[in-house]
């Protein structure tokens, strides 16, 4: 999955789900979405507002997890 596809998937998710903010249940929902769609296993420490609390943060987090060298970072606003 390339960075544009990641962006589109998270944008589509954003249409049906508001930003999670500090809501623990909402953060868990975003975490499950990320794990299921992108095949990423998240640690308890990664399921937090800083990584998943807003759609742009989720996109940056997923890009970092899938592309640790930052090759696709230019696509994230």
C-alpha atoms as a PDB file:
ATOM      1  CA  UNK A   1       0.000   0.000   0.000  1.00  0.00           C
ATOM      2  CA  UNK A   2       1.523   3.323  -0.993  1.00  0.00           C
ATOM      3  CA  UNK A   3       1.254   6.639   0.835  1.00  0.00           C
ATOM      4  CA  UNK A   4      -1.613   7.898  -1.327  1.00  0.00           C
ATOM      5  CA  UNK A   5      -3.649   4.776  -0.571  1.00  0.00           C
ATOM      6  CA  UNK A   6      -2.921   5.183   3.140  1.00  0.00           C
ATOM      7  CA  UNK A   7      -4.076   8.805   2.971  1.00  0.00           C
ATOM      8  CA  UNK A   8      -7.278   7.829   1.146  1.00  0.00           C
ATOM      9  CA  UNK A   9      -8.103   5.023   3.602  1.00  0.00           C
ATOM     10  CA  UNK A  10      -7.676   7.280   6.619  1.00  0.00           C
ATOM     11  CA  UNK A  11      -9.614  10.099   4.935  1.00  0.00           C
ATOM     12  CA  UNK A  12     -12.471   7.667   4.219  1.00  0.00           C
ATOM     13  CA  UNK A  13     -12.379   6.479   7.836  1.00  0.00           C
ATOM     14  CA  UNK A  14     -12.522  10.148   8.886  1.00  0.00           C
ATOM     15  CA  UNK A  15     -15.815  10.564   7.043  1.00  0.00           C
ATOM     16  CA  UNK A  16     -17.496   8.022   9.313  1.00  0.00           C
ATOM     17  CA  UNK A  17     -15.518   8.628  12.527  1.00  0.00           C
ATOM     18  CA  UNK A  18     -14.765  11.914  14.250  1.00  0.00           C
ATOM     19  CA  UNK A  19     -11.328  12.490  15.754  1.00  0.00           C
ATOM     20  CA  UNK A  20     -10.835  10.291  18.807  1.00  0.00           C
ATOM     21  CA  UNK A  21      -9.204  12.900  21.022  1.00  0.00           C
ATOM     22  CA  UNK A  22      -8.807  11.538  24.553  1.00  0.00           C
ATOM     23  CA  UNK A  23     -11.781   9.166  24.389  1.00  0.00           C
ATOM     24  CA  UNK A  24     -10.314   5.755  25.244  1.00  0.00           C
ATOM     25  CA  UNK A  25     -13.051   3.798  23.458  1.00  0.00           C
ATOM     26  CA  UNK A  26     -12.600   5.912  20.329  1.00  0.00           C
ATOM     27  CA  UNK A  27      -8.816   5.478  20.468  1.00  0.00           C
ATOM     28  CA  UNK A  28      -9.311   1.717  20.671  1.00  0.00           C
ATOM     29  CA  UNK A  29     -11.623   1.846  17.651  1.00  0.00           C
ATOM     30  CA  UNK A  30      -8.972   3.734  15.665  1.00  0.00           C
ATOM     31  CA  UNK A  31      -6.303   1.270  16.849  1.00  0.00           C
ATOM     32  CA  UNK A  32      -8.383  -1.694  15.669  1.00  0.00           C
ATOM     33  CA  UNK A  33      -8.964   0.026  12.325  1.00  0.00           C
ATOM     34  CA  UNK A  34      -5.214   0.598  11.902  1.00  0.00           C
ATOM     35  CA  UNK A  35      -4.326  -2.947  12.925  1.00  0.00           C
ATOM     36  CA  UNK A  36      -6.937  -4.546  10.678  1.00  0.00           C
ATOM     37  CA  UNK A  37      -6.417  -2.428   7.588  1.00  0.00           C
ATOM     38  CA  UNK A  38      -2.665  -1.923   7.638  1.00  0.00           C
ATOM     39  CA  UNK A  39      -1.557  -5.119   9.392  1.00  0.00           C
ATOM     40  CA  UNK A  40       0.210  -3.202  12.149  1.00  0.00           C
ATOM     41  CA  UNK A  41       0.300  -4.590  15.679  1.00  0.00           C
ATOM     42  CA  UNK A  42       0.162  -1.726  18.181  1.00  0.00           C
ATOM     43  CA  UNK A  43       1.539  -1.801  21.685  1.00  0.00           C
ATOM     44  CA  UNK A  44      -0.509  -0.412  24.558  1.00  0.00           C
ATOM     45  CA  UNK A  45       1.837   2.592  24.669  1.00  0.00           C
ATOM     46  CA  UNK A  46       1.158   3.383  21.005  1.00  0.00           C
ATOM     47  CA  UNK A  47      -2.609   3.584  21.529  1.00  0.00           C
ATOM     48  CA  UNK A  48      -2.685   7.188  22.649  1.00  0.00           C
ATOM     49  CA  UNK A  49      -3.956  10.612  21.701  1.00  0.00           C
ATOM     50  CA  UNK A  50      -0.550  11.648  20.323  1.00  0.00           C
ATOM     51  CA  UNK A  51      -0.626   8.833  17.740  1.00  0.00           C
ATOM     52  CA  UNK A  52      -4.325   8.241  17.086  1.00  0.00           C
ATOM     53  CA  UNK A  53      -6.258  11.198  18.512  1.00  0.00           C
ATOM     54  CA  UNK A  54      -6.770  12.975  15.178  1.00  0.00           C
ATOM     55  CA  UNK A  55      -6.863  11.758  11.583  1.00  0.00           C
ATOM     56  CA  UNK A  56      -3.714  13.647  10.568  1.00  0.00           C
ATOM     57  CA  UNK A  57      -1.877  12.184  13.572  1.00  0.00           C
ATOM     58  CA  UNK A  58      -3.097   8.700  12.680  1.00  0.00           C
ATOM     59  CA  UNK A  59      -1.869   9.128   9.114  1.00  0.00           C
ATOM     60  CA  UNK A  60       1.569  10.275  10.278  1.00  0.00           C
ATOM     61  CA  UNK A  61       1.757   7.398  12.743  1.00  0.00           C
ATOM     62  CA  UNK A  62       0.802   4.785  10.128  1.00  0.00           C
ATOM     63  CA  UNK A  63       3.296   6.234   7.638  1.00  0.00           C
ATOM     64  CA  UNK A  64       6.040   6.071  10.259  1.00  0.00           C
ATOM     65  CA  UNK A  65       5.178   2.475  11.182  1.00  0.00           C
ATOM     66  CA  UNK A  66       5.031   1.328   7.550  1.00  0.00           C
ATOM     67  CA  UNK A  67       7.929   3.466   6.331  1.00  0.00           C
ATOM     68  CA  UNK A  68      10.422   3.918   9.189  1.00  0.00           C
ATOM     69  CA  UNK A  69      13.003   5.566   6.882  1.00  0.00           C
ATOM     70  CA  UNK A  70      10.521   8.355   6.029  1.00  0.00           C
ATOM     71  CA  UNK A  71      10.609   7.794   2.261  1.00  0.00           C
ATOM     72  CA  UNK A  72       6.876   8.622   1.946  1.00  0.00           C
ATOM     73  CA  UNK A  73       6.822  11.445   4.515  1.00  0.00           C
ATOM     74  CA  UNK A  74       6.371  14.151   1.884  1.00  0.00           C
ATOM     75  CA  UNK A  75       2.780  13.012   1.315  1.00  0.00           C
ATOM     76  CA  UNK A  76       1.703  13.695   4.886  1.00  0.00           C
ATOM     77  CA  UNK A  77       0.585  17.247   5.574  1.00  0.00           C
END
